[in-house]
Amino acid sequence: MSVAFTREEDLEATAADLPDRPISPHANLVTASGLAAIEDALAAARAAYTAAQAHGSIEADRTAMARATRDLRYWSARRASAQLLEVPAEGVVRFGGSVTIEREDGRTQTWRIVGEDEADPAGGSVSHVSPLARALIGKRVGEEAVVAGQSVEIVAVD
């Protein structure tokens, strides 16, 4: 449906009713690159807010303002609660480190354990609160863990 067929009140309600992004109840642990990504996202949210303010009161800009305000609140909260964690290598799976596992079928996978905002499973990183990370943290090379109901062996820790 075209915007031409919507009422002005409907657009205002959409912008006003935009829900906040949920904030995780878990500790906001971050790596150095994760902290930089949060700061970049916060800067982008500030820029979007400034751009939305500059456009005045056009209906589409009200939605942009609401979205920018929501993102600004979220990234400000995430930056304020960020706990930079630099853990020295100890030969165990830990936050900020990488682990390579071998599955029962012979496949190997490498994962980096990072903060929630930095996690990108398709890119090889998982959140420290994910079931995979929780199953592996504290383990050493040669030890086994159960991941998704299957036994895996830890073959490398970086």
C-alpha atoms as a PDB file:
ATOM      1  CA  MET A   1       0.000   0.000   0.000  1.00  0.00           C
ATOM      2  CA  SER A   2       1.272   3.452  -0.867  1.00  0.00           C
ATOM      3  CA  VAL A   3       2.017   5.979   1.852  1.00  0.00           C
ATOM      4  CA  ALA A   4      -0.450   8.238   0.060  1.00  0.00           C
ATOM      5  CA  PHE A   5      -3.250   6.023   1.381  1.00  0.00           C
ATOM      6  CA  THR A   6      -2.244   6.141   5.044  1.00  0.00           C
ATOM      7  CA  ARG A   7      -3.372   8.672   7.584  1.00  0.00           C
ATOM      8  CA  GLU A   8      -0.894  11.023   9.231  1.00  0.00           C
ATOM      9  CA  GLU A   9      -1.943   9.693  12.660  1.00  0.00           C
ATOM     10  CA  ASP A  10      -0.993   6.150  11.585  1.00  0.00           C
ATOM     11  CA  LEU A  11       2.542   7.249  10.719  1.00  0.00           C
ATOM     12  CA  GLU A  12       2.941   9.066  14.015  1.00  0.00           C
ATOM     13  CA  ALA A  13       1.707   6.051  15.940  1.00  0.00           C
ATOM     14  CA  THR A  14       4.214   3.820  14.140  1.00  0.00           C
ATOM     15  CA  ALA A  15       7.099   6.091  15.064  1.00  0.00           C
ATOM     16  CA  ALA A  16       5.913   6.511  18.656  1.00  0.00           C
ATOM     17  CA  ASP A  17       5.272   2.797  19.186  1.00  0.00           C
ATOM     18  CA  LEU A  18       8.692   1.620  17.973  1.00  0.00           C
ATOM     19  CA  PRO A  19       9.828  -0.752  20.729  1.00  0.00           C
ATOM     20  CA  ASP A  20      13.256  -0.502  22.325  1.00  0.00           C
ATOM     21  CA  ARG A  21      15.861  -3.064  21.350  1.00  0.00           C
ATOM     22  CA  PRO A  22      16.139  -5.578  24.188  1.00  0.00           C
ATOM     23  CA  ILE A  23      19.211  -5.277  26.401  1.00  0.00           C
ATOM     24  CA  SER A  24      20.715  -8.609  27.404  1.00  0.00           C
ATOM     25  CA  PRO A  25      20.706  -9.432  31.118  1.00  0.00           C
ATOM     26  CA  HIS A  26      24.182 -11.005  30.753  1.00  0.00           C
ATOM     27  CA  ALA A  27      27.437  -9.193  31.469  1.00  0.00           C
ATOM     28  CA  ASN A  28      28.412  -7.110  28.450  1.00  0.00           C
ATOM     29  CA  LEU A  29      31.874  -8.599  27.941  1.00  0.00           C
ATOM     30  CA  VAL A  30      33.650  -7.235  24.877  1.00  0.00           C
ATOM     31  CA  THR A  31      36.901  -7.783  23.029  1.00  0.00           C
ATOM     32  CA  ALA A  32      38.891  -4.788  21.787  1.00  0.00           C
ATOM     33  CA  SER A  33      37.361  -5.208  18.320  1.00  0.00           C
ATOM     34  CA  GLY A  34      33.900  -5.613  19.862  1.00  0.00           C
ATOM     35  CA  LEU A  35      34.318  -2.350  21.790  1.00  0.00           C
ATOM     36  CA  ALA A  36      35.395  -0.595  18.585  1.00  0.00           C
ATOM     37  CA  ALA A  37      32.308  -1.968  16.799  1.00  0.00           C
ATOM     38  CA  ILE A  38      30.038  -0.678  19.592  1.00  0.00           C
ATOM     39  CA  GLU A  39      31.663   2.759  19.368  1.00  0.00           C
ATOM     40  CA  ASP A  40      31.206   2.750  15.562  1.00  0.00           C
ATOM     41  CA  ALA A  41      27.539   1.799  15.949  1.00  0.00           C
ATOM     42  CA  LEU A  42      27.074   4.525  18.565  1.00  0.00           C
ATOM     43  CA  ALA A  43      28.642   7.109  16.229  1.00  0.00           C
ATOM     44  CA  ALA A  44      26.381   5.940  13.388  1.00  0.00           C
ATOM     45  CA  ALA A  45      23.321   6.220  15.656  1.00  0.00           C
ATOM     46  CA  ARG A  46      24.346   9.766  16.634  1.00  0.00           C
ATOM     47  CA  ALA A  47      24.781  10.675  12.956  1.00  0.00           C
ATOM     48  CA  ALA A  48      21.374   9.192  12.085  1.00  0.00           C
ATOM     49  CA  TYR A  49      19.773  11.124  14.959  1.00  0.00           C
ATOM     50  CA  THR A  50      21.366  14.394  13.800  1.00  0.00           C
ATOM     51  CA  ALA A  51      20.277  13.749  10.205  1.00  0.00           C
ATOM     52  CA  ALA A  52      16.714  12.956  11.278  1.00  0.00           C
ATOM     53  CA  GLN A  53      16.561  16.145  13.389  1.00  0.00           C
ATOM     54  CA  ALA A  54      17.733  18.239  10.452  1.00  0.00           C
ATOM     55  CA  HIS A  55      14.819  17.122   8.252  1.00  0.00           C
ATOM     56  CA  GLY A  56      12.140  18.599  10.476  1.00  0.00           C
ATOM     57  CA  SER A  57       8.659  17.140  10.822  1.00  0.00           C
ATOM     58  CA  ILE A  58       8.062  15.248   7.566  1.00  0.00           C
ATOM     59  CA  GLU A  59       6.210  12.018   8.379  1.00  0.00           C
ATOM     60  CA  ALA A  60       8.916   9.681   7.097  1.00  0.00           C
ATOM     61  CA  ASP A  61      11.466  11.613   9.148  1.00  0.00           C
ATOM     62  CA  ARG A  62       9.457  11.022  12.326  1.00  0.00           C
ATOM     63  CA  THR A  63       9.947   7.318  11.811  1.00  0.00           C
ATOM     64  CA  ALA A  64      13.644   7.907  11.087  1.00  0.00           C
ATOM     65  CA  MET A  65      13.901   9.987  14.270  1.00  0.00           C
ATOM     66  CA  ALA A  66      12.210   7.265  16.324  1.00  0.00           C
ATOM     67  CA  ARG A  67      14.519   4.612  14.862  1.00  0.00           C
ATOM     68  CA  ALA A  68      17.613   6.766  15.457  1.00  0.00           C
ATOM     69  CA  THR A  69      16.530   7.547  19.019  1.00  0.00           C
ATOM     70  CA  ARG A  70      15.947   3.859  19.739  1.00  0.00           C
ATOM     71  CA  ASP A  71      19.355   2.892  18.321  1.00  0.00           C
ATOM     72  CA  LEU A  72      21.045   5.717  20.221  1.00  0.00           C
ATOM     73  CA  ARG A  73      19.535   4.502  23.508  1.00  0.00           C
ATOM     74  CA  TYR A  74      20.567   0.907  22.785  1.00  0.00           C
ATOM     75  CA  TRP A  75      24.179   1.618  21.765  1.00  0.00           C
ATOM     76  CA  SER A  76      24.630   4.161  24.582  1.00  0.00           C
ATOM     77  CA  ALA A  77      23.542   1.524  27.100  1.00  0.00           C
ATOM     78  CA  ARG A  78      25.767  -1.126  25.515  1.00  0.00           C
ATOM     79  CA  ARG A  79      28.776   1.239  25.556  1.00  0.00           C
ATOM     80  CA  ALA A  80      28.121   2.236  29.178  1.00  0.00           C
ATOM     81  CA  SER A  81      27.956  -1.407  30.304  1.00  0.00           C
ATOM     82  CA  ALA A  82      30.826  -2.705  28.150  1.00  0.00           C
ATOM     83  CA  GLN A  83      33.519  -4.572  30.070  1.00  0.00           C
ATOM     84  CA  LEU A  84      36.707  -4.881  28.020  1.00  0.00           C
ATOM     85  CA  LEU A  85      38.170  -8.265  28.809  1.00  0.00           C
ATOM     86  CA  GLU A  86      41.713  -9.101  27.781  1.00  0.00           C
ATOM     87  CA  VAL A  87      42.452 -12.620  28.963  1.00  0.00           C
ATOM     88  CA  PRO A  88      45.976 -13.970  28.673  1.00  0.00           C
ATOM     89  CA  ALA A  89      46.409 -17.253  26.815  1.00  0.00           C
ATOM     90  CA  GLU A  90      46.448 -20.165  29.244  1.00  0.00           C
ATOM     91  CA  GLY A  91      45.875 -23.101  26.921  1.00  0.00           C
ATOM     92  CA  VAL A  92      42.181 -23.246  27.809  1.00  0.00           C
ATOM     93  CA  VAL A  93      39.120 -22.177  25.864  1.00  0.00           C
ATOM     94  CA  ARG A  94      38.255 -18.673  27.047  1.00  0.00           C
ATOM     95  CA  PHE A  95      36.499 -15.442  26.151  1.00  0.00           C
ATOM     96  CA  GLY A  96      38.296 -13.665  23.309  1.00  0.00           C
ATOM     97  CA  GLY A  97      40.107 -16.788  22.171  1.00  0.00           C
ATOM     98  CA  SER A  98      39.581 -19.260  19.373  1.00  0.00           C
ATOM     99  CA  VAL A  99      38.897 -22.948  19.630  1.00  0.00           C
ATOM    100  CA  THR A 100      38.933 -25.647  16.978  1.00  0.00           C
ATOM    101  CA  ILE A 101      36.702 -28.657  17.501  1.00  0.00           C
ATOM    102  CA  GLU A 102      36.430 -31.931  15.660  1.00  0.00           C
ATOM    103  CA  ARG A 103      32.982 -33.461  15.357  1.00  0.00           C
ATOM    104  CA  GLU A 104      32.209 -37.183  15.377  1.00  0.00           C
ATOM    105  CA  ASP A 105      31.833 -37.157  11.568  1.00  0.00           C
ATOM    106  CA  GLY A 106      35.388 -35.783  11.151  1.00  0.00           C
ATOM    107  CA  ARG A 107      34.439 -32.175  10.368  1.00  0.00           C
ATOM    108  CA  THR A 108      36.505 -29.502  12.076  1.00  0.00           C
ATOM    109  CA  GLN A 109      35.229 -26.053  12.950  1.00  0.00           C
ATOM    110  CA  THR A 110      36.957 -23.049  14.464  1.00  0.00           C
ATOM    111  CA  TRP A 111      35.081 -20.548  16.599  1.00  0.00           C
ATOM    112  CA  ARG A 112      36.102 -17.335  18.316  1.00  0.00           C
ATOM    113  CA  ILE A 113      34.269 -16.629  21.571  1.00  0.00           C
ATOM    114  CA  VAL A 114      33.225 -12.968  21.746  1.00  0.00           C
ATOM    115  CA  GLY A 115      30.629 -10.600  23.208  1.00  0.00           C
ATOM    116  CA  GLU A 116      26.957 -10.746  22.237  1.00  0.00           C
ATOM    117  CA  ASP A 117      27.042  -7.691  19.954  1.00  0.00           C
ATOM    118  CA  GLU A 118      30.127  -8.982  18.145  1.00  0.00           C
ATOM    119  CA  ALA A 119      28.909 -12.540  17.566  1.00  0.00           C
ATOM    120  CA  ASP A 120      28.543 -13.614  13.946  1.00  0.00           C
ATOM    121  CA  PRO A 121      28.196 -17.400  13.601  1.00  0.00           C
ATOM    122  CA  ALA A 122      28.443 -17.209   9.803  1.00  0.00           C
ATOM    123  CA  GLY A 123      31.756 -15.387  10.273  1.00  0.00           C
ATOM    124  CA  GLY A 124      33.082 -17.880  12.817  1.00  0.00           C
ATOM    125  CA  SER A 125      32.376 -16.068  16.083  1.00  0.00           C
ATOM    126  CA  VAL A 126      29.896 -17.007  18.797  1.00  0.00           C
ATOM    127  CA  SER A 127      28.657 -15.223  21.897  1.00  0.00           C
ATOM    128  CA  HIS A 128      30.131 -16.191  25.246  1.00  0.00           C
ATOM    129  CA  VAL A 129      26.589 -16.945  26.451  1.00  0.00           C
ATOM    130  CA  SER A 130      25.780 -19.293  23.550  1.00  0.00           C
ATOM    131  CA  PRO A 131      25.334 -22.990  24.345  1.00  0.00           C
ATOM    132  CA  LEU A 132      28.376 -23.788  22.193  1.00  0.00           C
ATOM    133  CA  ALA A 133      30.652 -21.395  24.089  1.00  0.00           C
ATOM    134  CA  ARG A 134      29.325 -22.455  27.481  1.00  0.00           C
ATOM    135  CA  ALA A 135      30.058 -26.102  26.621  1.00  0.00           C
ATOM    136  CA  LEU A 136      33.636 -25.308  25.572  1.00  0.00           C
ATOM    137  CA  ILE A 137      34.875 -22.589  27.972  1.00  0.00           C
ATOM    138  CA  GLY A 138      37.440 -23.943  30.424  1.00  0.00           C
ATOM    139  CA  LYS A 139      38.293 -27.021  28.339  1.00  0.00           C
ATOM    140  CA  ARG A 140      41.774 -27.880  27.031  1.00  0.00           C
ATOM    141  CA  VAL A 141      43.120 -29.559  23.894  1.00  0.00           C
ATOM    142  CA  GLY A 142      42.215 -33.255  23.922  1.00  0.00           C
ATOM    143  CA  GLU A 143      39.181 -32.841  26.139  1.00  0.00           C
ATOM    144  CA  GLU A 144      35.671 -33.581  24.955  1.00  0.00           C
ATOM    145  CA  ALA A 145      32.456 -31.636  25.290  1.00  0.00           C
ATOM    146  CA  VAL A 146      28.856 -32.191  24.277  1.00  0.00           C
ATOM    147  CA  VAL A 147      27.646 -29.706  21.665  1.00  0.00           C
ATOM    148  CA  ALA A 148      24.122 -29.947  20.257  1.00  0.00           C
ATOM    149  CA  GLY A 149      23.825 -33.459  21.652  1.00  0.00           C
ATOM    150  CA  GLN A 150      27.018 -34.676  19.974  1.00  0.00           C
ATOM    151  CA  SER A 151      30.442 -35.281  21.393  1.00  0.00           C
ATOM    152  CA  VAL A 152      33.207 -33.028  20.069  1.00  0.00           C
ATOM    153  CA  GLU A 153      36.924 -33.038  20.747  1.00  0.00           C
ATOM    154  CA  ILE A 154      38.934 -29.875  21.233  1.00  0.00           C
ATOM    155  CA  VAL A 155      41.888 -30.052  18.843  1.00  0.00           C
ATOM    156  CA  ALA A 156      43.315 -26.515  19.141  1.00  0.00           C
ATOM    157  CA  VAL A 157      43.051 -23.491  21.427  1.00  0.00           C
ATOM    158  CA  ASP A 158      44.433 -20.064  20.485  1.00  0.00           C
END
